[in-house]
Amino acid sequence: MNLRIALAAALLAAMPVISSAVDDKPADPSTVPLSELVSRVHKKTGKDFILEPSLGAVRISLAGLDADRVDYPLLLAVLRSNGLVAFAGKEAVNILSDRDARQQPSPVITADDPKLGDDTLVTRLVQVRNACAAHMVPVLRPLMPQSAHLAADLPTNTLILADHADNVRRIVELVERIDKAAPGKLACGDFSKSGS
């Protein structure tokens, strides 16, 4: 028992040394602190940014991009590739983890808006005319990231998608093709009780 206590004490005594050795490791030169990158984009665009508190020390991989050339649209792409998202509010752009993306306010659209960049998060309503929208959900959901959302509203036979604009466009194209190929107005039946 005394040996265990002695080993535990030795490990506790060594923790600050181990911790400082890890902290002294040089930063990866292909990364930049998120706060620094956002500050550069702020200087170029005048946009104000708010970072989720947990992102304060996060370093962003630029994979060969010059940080000085990053503008707002490119920042959105960089954030997306690093598992982050930006939401433009009235006062500032909020940056947070993409796991929280679908709970944030995003533009609600019923038709494609070419002014929205590919990396902009949107919520899209798609009216399905011939096929059953609820039957499309299990087919299309695997084509979307975990942070996205896809659901069907049974009474209106409408799909609700929340994702980046480029993937929403792709999913909508698939919905339109499936709907066009459907033989006619298909009844969804009581889909809610079928267990799907």
N, C-alpha and C. Protein backbone atom coordinates (compact mmCIF):
# COMPACT_ATOMS: atom_id res chain seq x y z
N MET A 1 0.82 -1.18 0.00
CA MET A 1 0.00 0.00 0.00
C MET A 1 0.87 1.26 0.00
N ASN A 2 1.96 1.23 0.78
CA ASN A 2 2.85 2.39 0.84
C ASN A 2 3.50 2.65 -0.51
N LEU A 3 3.75 1.57 -1.26
CA LEU A 3 4.33 1.72 -2.60
C LEU A 3 3.38 2.48 -3.51
N ARG A 4 2.09 2.16 -3.43
CA ARG A 4 1.07 2.86 -4.25
C ARG A 4 1.03 4.34 -3.89
N ILE A 5 1.08 4.64 -2.62
CA ILE A 5 1.05 6.04 -2.18
C ILE A 5 2.29 6.76 -2.67
N ALA A 6 3.42 6.11 -2.59
CA ALA A 6 4.68 6.72 -3.06
C ALA A 6 4.65 6.96 -4.56
N LEU A 7 4.11 6.00 -5.33
CA LEU A 7 4.00 6.18 -6.78
C LEU A 7 3.04 7.31 -7.12
N ALA A 8 1.91 7.38 -6.43
CA ALA A 8 0.95 8.45 -6.67
C ALA A 8 1.57 9.80 -6.36
N ALA A 9 2.29 9.90 -5.27
CA ALA A 9 2.94 11.16 -4.90
C ALA A 9 3.98 11.55 -5.94
N ALA A 10 4.74 10.58 -6.43
CA ALA A 10 5.76 10.87 -7.45
C ALA A 10 5.11 11.36 -8.74
N LEU A 11 4.00 10.74 -9.14
CA LEU A 11 3.29 11.18 -10.35
C LEU A 11 2.74 12.58 -10.18
N LEU A 12 2.16 12.87 -9.03
CA LEU A 12 1.63 14.22 -8.78
C LEU A 12 2.74 15.26 -8.80
N ALA A 13 3.90 14.90 -8.26
CA ALA A 13 5.03 15.83 -8.25
C ALA A 13 5.55 16.08 -9.66
N ALA A 14 5.45 15.07 -10.54
CA ALA A 14 5.96 15.19 -11.90
C ALA A 14 5.00 15.90 -12.84
N MET A 15 3.73 16.02 -12.45
CA MET A 15 2.71 16.61 -13.33
C MET A 15 3.09 17.99 -13.84
N PRO A 16 3.54 18.94 -13.01
CA PRO A 16 3.89 20.26 -13.56
C PRO A 16 5.00 20.18 -14.61
N VAL A 17 5.96 19.29 -14.42
CA VAL A 17 7.06 19.14 -15.38
C VAL A 17 6.53 18.60 -16.70
N ILE A 18 5.69 17.56 -16.62
CA ILE A 18 5.09 16.97 -17.83
C ILE A 18 4.22 18.00 -18.53
N SER A 19 3.42 18.73 -17.75
CA SER A 19 2.51 19.73 -18.32
C SER A 19 3.27 20.83 -19.03
N SER A 20 4.36 21.33 -18.41
CA SER A 20 5.10 22.43 -19.05
C SER A 20 5.82 21.94 -20.30
N ALA A 21 6.23 20.67 -20.32
CA ALA A 21 6.88 20.14 -21.52
C ALA A 21 5.89 20.09 -22.68
N VAL A 22 4.65 19.73 -22.40
CA VAL A 22 3.63 19.68 -23.43
C VAL A 22 3.30 21.10 -23.91
N ASP A 23 3.19 22.06 -22.97
CA ASP A 23 2.86 23.43 -23.32
C ASP A 23 3.96 24.11 -24.13
N ASP A 24 5.22 23.68 -23.95
CA ASP A 24 6.33 24.31 -24.67
C ASP A 24 6.50 23.78 -26.08
N LYS A 25 5.70 22.81 -26.48
CA LYS A 25 5.79 22.24 -27.82
C LYS A 25 5.50 23.35 -28.84
N PRO A 26 6.31 23.49 -29.87
CA PRO A 26 6.07 24.56 -30.85
C PRO A 26 4.76 24.36 -31.61
N ALA A 27 4.12 25.46 -31.93
CA ALA A 27 2.85 25.42 -32.66
C ALA A 27 3.09 24.97 -34.10
N ASP A 28 2.13 24.27 -34.64
CA ASP A 28 2.18 23.82 -36.02
C ASP A 28 2.18 25.05 -36.93
N PRO A 29 3.19 25.21 -37.80
CA PRO A 29 3.26 26.40 -38.65
C PRO A 29 2.13 26.51 -39.69
N SER A 30 1.41 25.42 -39.95
CA SER A 30 0.31 25.49 -40.92
C SER A 30 -1.00 25.91 -40.25
N THR A 31 -0.93 26.24 -38.95
CA THR A 31 -2.13 26.68 -38.24
C THR A 31 -1.94 28.11 -37.76
N VAL A 32 -3.07 28.74 -37.46
CA VAL A 32 -3.05 30.10 -36.94
C VAL A 32 -4.13 30.18 -35.86
N PRO A 33 -3.91 30.96 -34.81
CA PRO A 33 -4.97 31.10 -33.80
C PRO A 33 -6.24 31.67 -34.45
N LEU A 34 -7.38 31.09 -34.10
CA LEU A 34 -8.65 31.56 -34.65
C LEU A 34 -8.85 33.04 -34.38
N SER A 35 -8.53 33.47 -33.17
CA SER A 35 -8.72 34.88 -32.81
C SER A 35 -7.88 35.80 -33.71
N GLU A 36 -6.67 35.36 -34.07
CA GLU A 36 -5.82 36.16 -34.96
C GLU A 36 -6.40 36.22 -36.37
N LEU A 37 -6.89 35.09 -36.88
CA LEU A 37 -7.47 35.05 -38.22
C LEU A 37 -8.71 35.93 -38.29
N VAL A 38 -9.56 35.84 -37.27
CA VAL A 38 -10.78 36.65 -37.21
C VAL A 38 -10.43 38.13 -37.13
N SER A 39 -9.40 38.46 -36.38
CA SER A 39 -8.96 39.86 -36.27
C SER A 39 -8.52 40.41 -37.63
N ARG A 40 -7.82 39.60 -38.41
CA ARG A 40 -7.39 40.03 -39.75
C ARG A 40 -8.59 40.28 -40.66
N VAL A 41 -9.59 39.38 -40.59
CA VAL A 41 -10.78 39.55 -41.42
C VAL A 41 -11.58 40.77 -40.96
N HIS A 42 -11.61 41.02 -39.66
CA HIS A 42 -12.28 42.21 -39.13
C HIS A 42 -11.65 43.48 -39.71
N LYS A 43 -10.32 43.52 -39.76
CA LYS A 43 -9.63 44.70 -40.29
C LYS A 43 -9.96 44.93 -41.76
N LYS A 44 -10.14 43.84 -42.52
CA LYS A 44 -10.45 43.95 -43.95
C LYS A 44 -11.90 44.34 -44.21
N THR A 45 -12.80 43.78 -43.41
CA THR A 45 -14.23 43.89 -43.72
C THR A 45 -14.99 44.85 -42.81
N GLY A 46 -14.46 45.12 -41.64
CA GLY A 46 -15.17 45.93 -40.66
C GLY A 46 -16.22 45.13 -39.89
N LYS A 47 -16.38 43.84 -40.22
CA LYS A 47 -17.34 43.00 -39.51
C LYS A 47 -16.82 42.70 -38.10
N ASP A 48 -17.74 42.74 -37.15
CA ASP A 48 -17.40 42.38 -35.78
C ASP A 48 -17.70 40.90 -35.57
N PHE A 49 -16.87 40.24 -34.78
CA PHE A 49 -17.01 38.81 -34.54
C PHE A 49 -17.10 38.53 -33.05
N ILE A 50 -17.88 37.52 -32.71
CA ILE A 50 -17.97 37.02 -31.34
C ILE A 50 -17.63 35.54 -31.40
N LEU A 51 -16.62 35.15 -30.63
CA LEU A 51 -16.21 33.74 -30.59
C LEU A 51 -16.85 33.05 -29.40
N GLU A 52 -17.35 31.84 -29.63
CA GLU A 52 -17.84 31.01 -28.52
C GLU A 52 -16.67 30.89 -27.54
N PRO A 53 -16.91 31.04 -26.23
CA PRO A 53 -15.80 31.03 -25.26
C PRO A 53 -14.84 29.85 -25.38
N SER A 54 -15.35 28.68 -25.71
CA SER A 54 -14.48 27.50 -25.80
C SER A 54 -13.52 27.57 -26.98
N LEU A 55 -13.70 28.55 -27.87
CA LEU A 55 -12.85 28.64 -29.06
C LEU A 55 -11.68 29.61 -28.89
N GLY A 56 -11.53 30.17 -27.72
CA GLY A 56 -10.50 31.18 -27.48
C GLY A 56 -9.09 30.76 -27.86
N ALA A 57 -8.72 29.53 -27.55
CA ALA A 57 -7.35 29.07 -27.81
C ALA A 57 -7.24 28.16 -29.03
N VAL A 58 -8.29 28.05 -29.79
CA VAL A 58 -8.30 27.14 -30.93
C VAL A 58 -7.39 27.65 -32.04
N ARG A 59 -6.64 26.72 -32.64
CA ARG A 59 -5.81 27.04 -33.80
C ARG A 59 -6.49 26.46 -35.03
N ILE A 60 -6.48 27.21 -36.11
CA ILE A 60 -7.17 26.84 -37.35
C ILE A 60 -6.14 26.40 -38.38
N SER A 61 -6.43 25.28 -39.03
CA SER A 61 -5.57 24.80 -40.10
C SER A 61 -5.88 25.57 -41.37
N LEU A 62 -4.86 26.15 -41.97
CA LEU A 62 -5.03 26.89 -43.22
C LEU A 62 -4.55 26.10 -44.42
N ALA A 63 -3.87 25.00 -44.21
CA ALA A 63 -3.45 24.09 -45.27
C ALA A 63 -2.85 24.82 -46.47
N GLY A 64 -1.89 25.67 -46.21
CA GLY A 64 -1.19 26.34 -47.31
C GLY A 64 -1.74 27.70 -47.70
N LEU A 65 -2.89 28.09 -47.16
CA LEU A 65 -3.44 29.42 -47.47
C LEU A 65 -2.64 30.49 -46.74
N ASP A 66 -2.51 31.63 -47.36
CA ASP A 66 -1.88 32.78 -46.73
C ASP A 66 -2.93 33.47 -45.87
N ALA A 67 -2.69 33.56 -44.57
CA ALA A 67 -3.67 34.15 -43.65
C ALA A 67 -4.03 35.58 -44.03
N ASP A 68 -3.09 36.30 -44.65
CA ASP A 68 -3.36 37.69 -45.05
C ASP A 68 -4.34 37.78 -46.21
N ARG A 69 -4.53 36.69 -46.96
CA ARG A 69 -5.44 36.71 -48.12
C ARG A 69 -6.84 36.23 -47.77
N VAL A 70 -7.07 35.83 -46.53
CA VAL A 70 -8.38 35.31 -46.13
C VAL A 70 -9.37 36.47 -45.99
N ASP A 71 -10.42 36.44 -46.83
CA ASP A 71 -11.50 37.41 -46.73
C ASP A 71 -12.71 36.72 -46.08
N TYR A 72 -13.85 37.39 -46.01
CA TYR A 72 -15.00 36.80 -45.31
C TYR A 72 -15.50 35.50 -45.96
N PRO A 73 -15.72 35.45 -47.29
CA PRO A 73 -16.17 34.16 -47.87
C PRO A 73 -15.16 33.03 -47.65
N LEU A 74 -13.88 33.34 -47.75
CA LEU A 74 -12.87 32.30 -47.52
C LEU A 74 -12.82 31.92 -46.04
N LEU A 75 -13.06 32.87 -45.14
CA LEU A 75 -13.13 32.56 -43.72
C LEU A 75 -14.23 31.54 -43.45
N LEU A 76 -15.39 31.72 -44.09
CA LEU A 76 -16.49 30.76 -43.91
C LEU A 76 -16.07 29.35 -44.33
N ALA A 77 -15.34 29.26 -45.45
CA ALA A 77 -14.88 27.95 -45.92
C ALA A 77 -13.85 27.35 -44.96
N VAL A 78 -12.95 28.18 -44.46
CA VAL A 78 -11.93 27.71 -43.51
C VAL A 78 -12.60 27.23 -42.22
N LEU A 79 -13.57 28.00 -41.74
CA LEU A 79 -14.28 27.60 -40.52
C LEU A 79 -14.96 26.25 -40.73
N ARG A 80 -15.63 26.11 -41.87
CA ARG A 80 -16.35 24.87 -42.17
C ARG A 80 -15.41 23.67 -42.18
N SER A 81 -14.25 23.82 -42.77
CA SER A 81 -13.31 22.69 -42.85
C SER A 81 -12.68 22.38 -41.49
N ASN A 82 -12.85 23.30 -40.54
CA ASN A 82 -12.32 23.09 -39.19
C ASN A 82 -13.43 22.79 -38.18
N GLY A 83 -14.64 22.46 -38.68
CA GLY A 83 -15.73 22.08 -37.79
C GLY A 83 -16.38 23.24 -37.07
N LEU A 84 -16.30 24.42 -37.66
CA LEU A 84 -16.89 25.62 -37.06
C LEU A 84 -17.85 26.26 -38.04
N VAL A 85 -18.73 27.12 -37.53
CA VAL A 85 -19.68 27.83 -38.38
C VAL A 85 -19.76 29.29 -37.93
N ALA A 86 -20.26 30.12 -38.83
CA ALA A 86 -20.47 31.54 -38.53
C ALA A 86 -21.92 31.90 -38.81
N PHE A 87 -22.51 32.66 -37.90
CA PHE A 87 -23.87 33.16 -38.08
C PHE A 87 -23.83 34.67 -38.02
N ALA A 88 -24.24 35.31 -39.11
CA ALA A 88 -24.24 36.76 -39.16
C ALA A 88 -25.50 37.27 -38.46
N GLY A 89 -25.32 37.96 -37.36
CA GLY A 89 -26.42 38.61 -36.67
C GLY A 89 -26.49 40.07 -37.06
N LYS A 90 -27.34 40.82 -36.41
CA LYS A 90 -27.48 42.25 -36.74
C LYS A 90 -26.25 43.04 -36.33
N GLU A 91 -25.67 42.66 -35.21
CA GLU A 91 -24.54 43.42 -34.67
C GLU A 91 -23.17 42.79 -34.96
N ALA A 92 -23.14 41.46 -35.02
CA ALA A 92 -21.85 40.78 -35.16
C ALA A 92 -22.04 39.40 -35.76
N VAL A 93 -20.93 38.81 -36.16
CA VAL A 93 -20.91 37.44 -36.67
C VAL A 93 -20.48 36.54 -35.52
N ASN A 94 -21.33 35.58 -35.18
CA ASN A 94 -21.03 34.64 -34.11
C ASN A 94 -20.35 33.41 -34.69
N ILE A 95 -19.25 33.00 -34.08
CA ILE A 95 -18.53 31.80 -34.52
C ILE A 95 -18.62 30.77 -33.41
N LEU A 96 -19.08 29.56 -33.78
CA LEU A 96 -19.25 28.50 -32.82
C LEU A 96 -19.02 27.15 -33.48
N SER A 97 -19.04 26.11 -32.68
CA SER A 97 -18.85 24.75 -33.17
C SER A 97 -20.03 24.35 -34.05
N ASP A 98 -19.79 23.59 -35.11
CA ASP A 98 -20.88 23.20 -36.01
C ASP A 98 -21.89 22.26 -35.36
N ARG A 99 -21.54 21.66 -34.22
CA ARG A 99 -22.50 20.78 -33.53
C ARG A 99 -23.72 21.58 -33.04
N ASP A 100 -23.57 22.91 -32.89
CA ASP A 100 -24.66 23.76 -32.43
C ASP A 100 -25.34 24.51 -33.57
N ALA A 101 -24.97 24.20 -34.80
CA ALA A 101 -25.41 24.99 -35.95
C ALA A 101 -26.90 24.97 -36.18
N ARG A 102 -27.53 23.82 -36.10
CA ARG A 102 -28.95 23.75 -36.48
C ARG A 102 -29.87 24.44 -35.48
N GLN A 103 -29.38 24.78 -34.29
CA GLN A 103 -30.20 25.50 -33.33
C GLN A 103 -30.09 27.02 -33.49
N GLN A 104 -29.23 27.46 -34.39
CA GLN A 104 -29.02 28.89 -34.57
C GLN A 104 -29.91 29.44 -35.67
N PRO A 105 -30.25 30.73 -35.59
CA PRO A 105 -31.08 31.32 -36.64
C PRO A 105 -30.32 31.40 -37.96
N SER A 106 -30.94 30.94 -39.01
CA SER A 106 -30.35 31.03 -40.35
C SER A 106 -31.45 31.48 -41.30
N PRO A 107 -31.08 32.03 -42.44
CA PRO A 107 -32.11 32.46 -43.39
C PRO A 107 -33.02 31.30 -43.78
N VAL A 108 -34.33 31.53 -43.77
CA VAL A 108 -35.30 30.53 -44.20
C VAL A 108 -35.69 30.86 -45.63
N ILE A 109 -35.47 29.89 -46.53
CA ILE A 109 -35.73 30.12 -47.95
C ILE A 109 -36.63 29.01 -48.50
N THR A 110 -37.35 29.35 -49.56
CA THR A 110 -38.18 28.35 -50.23
C THR A 110 -37.72 28.13 -51.67
N ALA A 111 -36.74 28.92 -52.09
CA ALA A 111 -36.15 28.76 -53.42
C ALA A 111 -34.67 29.10 -53.29
N ASP A 112 -33.87 28.63 -54.22
CA ASP A 112 -32.44 28.89 -54.18
C ASP A 112 -32.17 30.38 -54.30
N ASP A 113 -31.26 30.87 -53.49
CA ASP A 113 -30.85 32.27 -53.54
C ASP A 113 -29.37 32.28 -53.92
N PRO A 114 -29.05 32.61 -55.20
CA PRO A 114 -27.66 32.56 -55.64
C PRO A 114 -26.75 33.55 -54.91
N LYS A 115 -27.35 34.52 -54.22
CA LYS A 115 -26.53 35.48 -53.46
C LYS A 115 -25.94 34.85 -52.21
N LEU A 116 -26.53 33.73 -51.77
CA LEU A 116 -26.01 33.07 -50.58
C LEU A 116 -24.81 32.21 -50.97
N GLY A 117 -23.69 32.44 -50.33
CA GLY A 117 -22.49 31.67 -50.61
C GLY A 117 -22.65 30.22 -50.21
N ASP A 118 -21.85 29.36 -50.79
CA ASP A 118 -21.92 27.92 -50.53
C ASP A 118 -21.80 27.58 -49.05
N ASP A 119 -21.00 28.34 -48.31
CA ASP A 119 -20.73 28.02 -46.91
C ASP A 119 -21.68 28.70 -45.94
N THR A 120 -22.71 29.36 -46.47
CA THR A 120 -23.72 29.99 -45.62
C THR A 120 -24.71 28.94 -45.14
N LEU A 121 -25.02 28.97 -43.86
CA LEU A 121 -26.01 28.05 -43.32
C LEU A 121 -27.40 28.58 -43.62
N VAL A 122 -28.25 27.71 -44.12
CA VAL A 122 -29.62 28.09 -44.47
C VAL A 122 -30.60 27.04 -43.99
N THR A 123 -31.85 27.44 -43.88
CA THR A 123 -32.95 26.52 -43.64
C THR A 123 -33.84 26.60 -44.87
N ARG A 124 -34.12 25.47 -45.47
CA ARG A 124 -34.87 25.46 -46.73
C ARG A 124 -36.10 24.59 -46.59
N LEU A 125 -37.22 25.09 -47.06
CA LEU A 125 -38.46 24.33 -47.12
C LEU A 125 -38.64 23.86 -48.55
N VAL A 126 -38.92 22.57 -48.73
CA VAL A 126 -39.09 22.00 -50.07
C VAL A 126 -40.44 21.29 -50.12
N GLN A 127 -41.33 21.81 -50.94
CA GLN A 127 -42.66 21.20 -51.12
C GLN A 127 -42.53 20.02 -52.08
N VAL A 128 -42.93 18.84 -51.62
CA VAL A 128 -42.90 17.64 -52.44
C VAL A 128 -44.30 17.42 -52.99
N ARG A 129 -44.42 17.23 -54.30
CA ARG A 129 -45.74 17.16 -54.93
C ARG A 129 -46.21 15.72 -55.20
N ASN A 130 -45.35 14.86 -55.71
CA ASN A 130 -45.76 13.53 -56.14
C ASN A 130 -45.34 12.41 -55.19
N ALA A 131 -44.18 12.51 -54.63
CA ALA A 131 -43.66 11.47 -53.73
C ALA A 131 -44.03 11.81 -52.30
N CYS A 132 -43.75 10.92 -51.40
CA CYS A 132 -43.99 11.14 -49.98
C CYS A 132 -42.71 11.70 -49.34
N ALA A 133 -42.79 12.91 -48.83
CA ALA A 133 -41.62 13.56 -48.23
C ALA A 133 -41.04 12.73 -47.08
N ALA A 134 -41.89 12.15 -46.28
CA ALA A 134 -41.42 11.37 -45.13
C ALA A 134 -40.61 10.15 -45.56
N HIS A 135 -40.95 9.59 -46.71
CA HIS A 135 -40.19 8.44 -47.22
C HIS A 135 -38.80 8.84 -47.71
N MET A 136 -38.63 10.10 -48.04
CA MET A 136 -37.33 10.58 -48.53
C MET A 136 -36.31 10.78 -47.40
N VAL A 137 -36.79 11.03 -46.19
CA VAL A 137 -35.88 11.37 -45.09
C VAL A 137 -34.82 10.30 -44.85
N PRO A 138 -35.17 9.02 -44.68
CA PRO A 138 -34.11 8.03 -44.43
C PRO A 138 -33.18 7.80 -45.62
N VAL A 139 -33.63 8.15 -46.81
CA VAL A 139 -32.79 7.99 -48.00
C VAL A 139 -31.79 9.14 -48.10
N LEU A 140 -32.22 10.36 -47.78
CA LEU A 140 -31.40 11.55 -47.96
C LEU A 140 -30.55 11.91 -46.74
N ARG A 141 -30.99 11.55 -45.55
CA ARG A 141 -30.30 11.97 -44.33
C ARG A 141 -28.84 11.54 -44.29
N PRO A 142 -28.47 10.35 -44.77
CA PRO A 142 -27.05 9.98 -44.76
C PRO A 142 -26.16 10.87 -45.64
N LEU A 143 -26.75 11.64 -46.53
CA LEU A 143 -25.98 12.53 -47.41
C LEU A 143 -25.68 13.87 -46.75
N MET A 144 -26.06 14.00 -45.50
CA MET A 144 -25.88 15.27 -44.78
C MET A 144 -24.99 15.04 -43.57
N PRO A 145 -24.24 16.06 -43.16
CA PRO A 145 -23.38 15.90 -41.97
C PRO A 145 -24.23 15.81 -40.70
N GLN A 146 -23.62 15.34 -39.63
CA GLN A 146 -24.33 15.20 -38.36
C GLN A 146 -24.88 16.53 -37.88
N SER A 147 -24.21 17.62 -38.18
CA SER A 147 -24.65 18.93 -37.71
C SER A 147 -25.87 19.45 -38.46
N ALA A 148 -26.21 18.84 -39.58
CA ALA A 148 -27.35 19.28 -40.40
C ALA A 148 -28.65 18.67 -39.88
N HIS A 149 -29.74 19.12 -40.47
CA HIS A 149 -31.06 18.62 -40.06
C HIS A 149 -31.91 18.37 -41.29
N LEU A 150 -32.67 17.28 -41.25
CA LEU A 150 -33.62 16.96 -42.31
C LEU A 150 -34.83 16.30 -41.66
N ALA A 151 -36.00 16.85 -41.94
CA ALA A 151 -37.24 16.29 -41.40
C ALA A 151 -38.36 16.53 -42.40
N ALA A 152 -39.44 15.77 -42.24
CA ALA A 152 -40.61 15.93 -43.10
C ALA A 152 -41.80 16.36 -42.26
N ASP A 153 -42.56 17.30 -42.78
CA ASP A 153 -43.81 17.70 -42.17
C ASP A 153 -44.92 16.94 -42.91
N LEU A 154 -45.53 15.97 -42.25
CA LEU A 154 -46.51 15.10 -42.90
C LEU A 154 -47.73 15.84 -43.44
N PRO A 155 -48.36 16.72 -42.66
CA PRO A 155 -49.59 17.35 -43.18
C PRO A 155 -49.40 18.15 -44.47
N THR A 156 -48.21 18.75 -44.63
CA THR A 156 -47.97 19.56 -45.84
C THR A 156 -47.10 18.86 -46.86
N ASN A 157 -46.60 17.66 -46.52
CA ASN A 157 -45.70 16.91 -47.40
C ASN A 157 -44.50 17.78 -47.81
N THR A 158 -43.90 18.42 -46.80
CA THR A 158 -42.79 19.35 -47.01
C THR A 158 -41.56 18.86 -46.28
N LEU A 159 -40.40 18.98 -46.92
CA LEU A 159 -39.12 18.69 -46.28
C LEU A 159 -38.55 19.97 -45.69
N ILE A 160 -37.93 19.83 -44.53
CA ILE A 160 -37.24 20.95 -43.88
C ILE A 160 -35.77 20.56 -43.78
N LEU A 161 -34.92 21.36 -44.41
CA LEU A 161 -33.48 21.09 -44.42
C LEU A 161 -32.75 22.25 -43.76
N ALA A 162 -31.77 21.96 -42.95
CA ALA A 162 -30.89 22.98 -42.38
C ALA A 162 -29.46 22.50 -42.56
N ASP A 163 -28.70 23.22 -43.39
CA ASP A 163 -27.33 22.82 -43.70
C ASP A 163 -26.66 23.97 -44.46
N HIS A 164 -25.44 23.76 -44.91
CA HIS A 164 -24.76 24.74 -45.75
C HIS A 164 -25.47 24.81 -47.10
N ALA A 165 -25.48 25.99 -47.68
CA ALA A 165 -26.24 26.24 -48.91
C ALA A 165 -25.87 25.29 -50.04
N ASP A 166 -24.59 24.97 -50.20
CA ASP A 166 -24.21 24.09 -51.30
C ASP A 166 -24.78 22.68 -51.14
N ASN A 167 -24.79 22.16 -49.92
CA ASN A 167 -25.35 20.82 -49.73
C ASN A 167 -26.87 20.86 -49.80
N VAL A 168 -27.48 21.93 -49.36
CA VAL A 168 -28.93 22.07 -49.48
C VAL A 168 -29.32 22.05 -50.96
N ARG A 169 -28.55 22.75 -51.80
CA ARG A 169 -28.83 22.74 -53.25
C ARG A 169 -28.76 21.32 -53.81
N ARG A 170 -27.77 20.56 -53.38
CA ARG A 170 -27.60 19.18 -53.85
C ARG A 170 -28.77 18.32 -53.41
N ILE A 171 -29.17 18.42 -52.16
CA ILE A 171 -30.29 17.62 -51.65
C ILE A 171 -31.58 18.01 -52.35
N VAL A 172 -31.80 19.31 -52.56
CA VAL A 172 -33.01 19.76 -53.25
C VAL A 172 -33.05 19.22 -54.68
N GLU A 173 -31.91 19.18 -55.35
CA GLU A 173 -31.86 18.61 -56.70
C GLU A 173 -32.28 17.14 -56.68
N LEU A 174 -31.80 16.39 -55.69
CA LEU A 174 -32.19 14.99 -55.57
C LEU A 174 -33.68 14.85 -55.28
N VAL A 175 -34.20 15.70 -54.40
CA VAL A 175 -35.63 15.67 -54.07
C VAL A 175 -36.45 15.91 -55.33
N GLU A 176 -36.05 16.91 -56.11
CA GLU A 176 -36.79 17.24 -57.34
C GLU A 176 -36.76 16.08 -58.33
N ARG A 177 -35.62 15.41 -58.45
CA ARG A 177 -35.54 14.27 -59.37
C ARG A 177 -36.38 13.09 -58.88
N ILE A 178 -36.34 12.82 -57.59
CA ILE A 178 -37.16 11.73 -57.04
C ILE A 178 -38.63 12.07 -57.20
N ASP A 179 -38.99 13.30 -56.92
CA ASP A 179 -40.39 13.72 -57.01
C ASP A 179 -40.89 13.64 -58.45
N LYS A 180 -40.04 14.03 -59.39
CA LYS A 180 -40.42 13.98 -60.80
C LYS A 180 -40.60 12.53 -61.28
N ALA A 181 -39.76 11.63 -60.75
CA ALA A 181 -39.83 10.22 -61.17
C ALA A 181 -40.96 9.46 -60.50
N ALA A 182 -41.54 10.04 -59.45
CA ALA A 182 -42.65 9.35 -58.75
C ALA A 182 -43.83 9.20 -59.69
N PRO A 183 -44.54 8.06 -59.63
CA PRO A 183 -45.62 7.79 -60.57
C PRO A 183 -46.85 8.69 -60.41
N GLY A 184 -46.94 9.40 -59.36
CA GLY A 184 -48.11 10.27 -59.15
C GLY A 184 -48.27 10.53 -57.68
N LYS A 185 -49.31 11.20 -57.31
CA LYS A 185 -49.55 11.54 -55.91
C LYS A 185 -49.62 10.27 -55.07
N LEU A 186 -48.56 10.03 -54.33
CA LEU A 186 -48.51 8.84 -53.48
C LEU A 186 -48.95 9.20 -52.07
N ALA A 187 -49.80 8.40 -51.50
CA ALA A 187 -50.22 8.62 -50.12
C ALA A 187 -49.09 8.18 -49.19
N CYS A 188 -48.80 9.00 -48.20
CA CYS A 188 -47.77 8.64 -47.23
C CYS A 188 -48.30 7.63 -46.23
N GLY A 189 -49.58 7.50 -46.14
CA GLY A 189 -50.14 6.60 -45.15
C GLY A 189 -49.89 7.16 -43.77
N ASP A 190 -50.06 6.37 -42.78
CA ASP A 190 -49.80 6.82 -41.42
C ASP A 190 -48.35 6.52 -41.09
N PHE A 191 -47.45 7.28 -41.70
CA PHE A 191 -46.01 7.06 -41.59
C PHE A 191 -45.54 7.17 -40.14
N SER A 192 -46.18 8.04 -39.37
CA SER A 192 -45.73 8.26 -38.00
C SER A 192 -45.89 7.00 -37.14
N LYS A 193 -46.79 6.08 -37.49
CA LYS A 193 -46.98 4.87 -36.70
C LYS A 193 -46.21 3.68 -37.26
N SER A 194 -45.54 3.86 -38.38
CA SER A 194 -44.87 2.71 -39.02
C SER A 194 -43.54 2.39 -38.39
N GLY A 195 -43.02 3.29 -37.51
CA GLY A 195 -41.75 3.03 -36.85
C GLY A 195 -40.56 3.51 -37.64
N SER A 196 -40.73 4.13 -38.78
CA SER A 196 -39.61 4.62 -39.56
C SER A 196 -39.22 6.01 -39.13
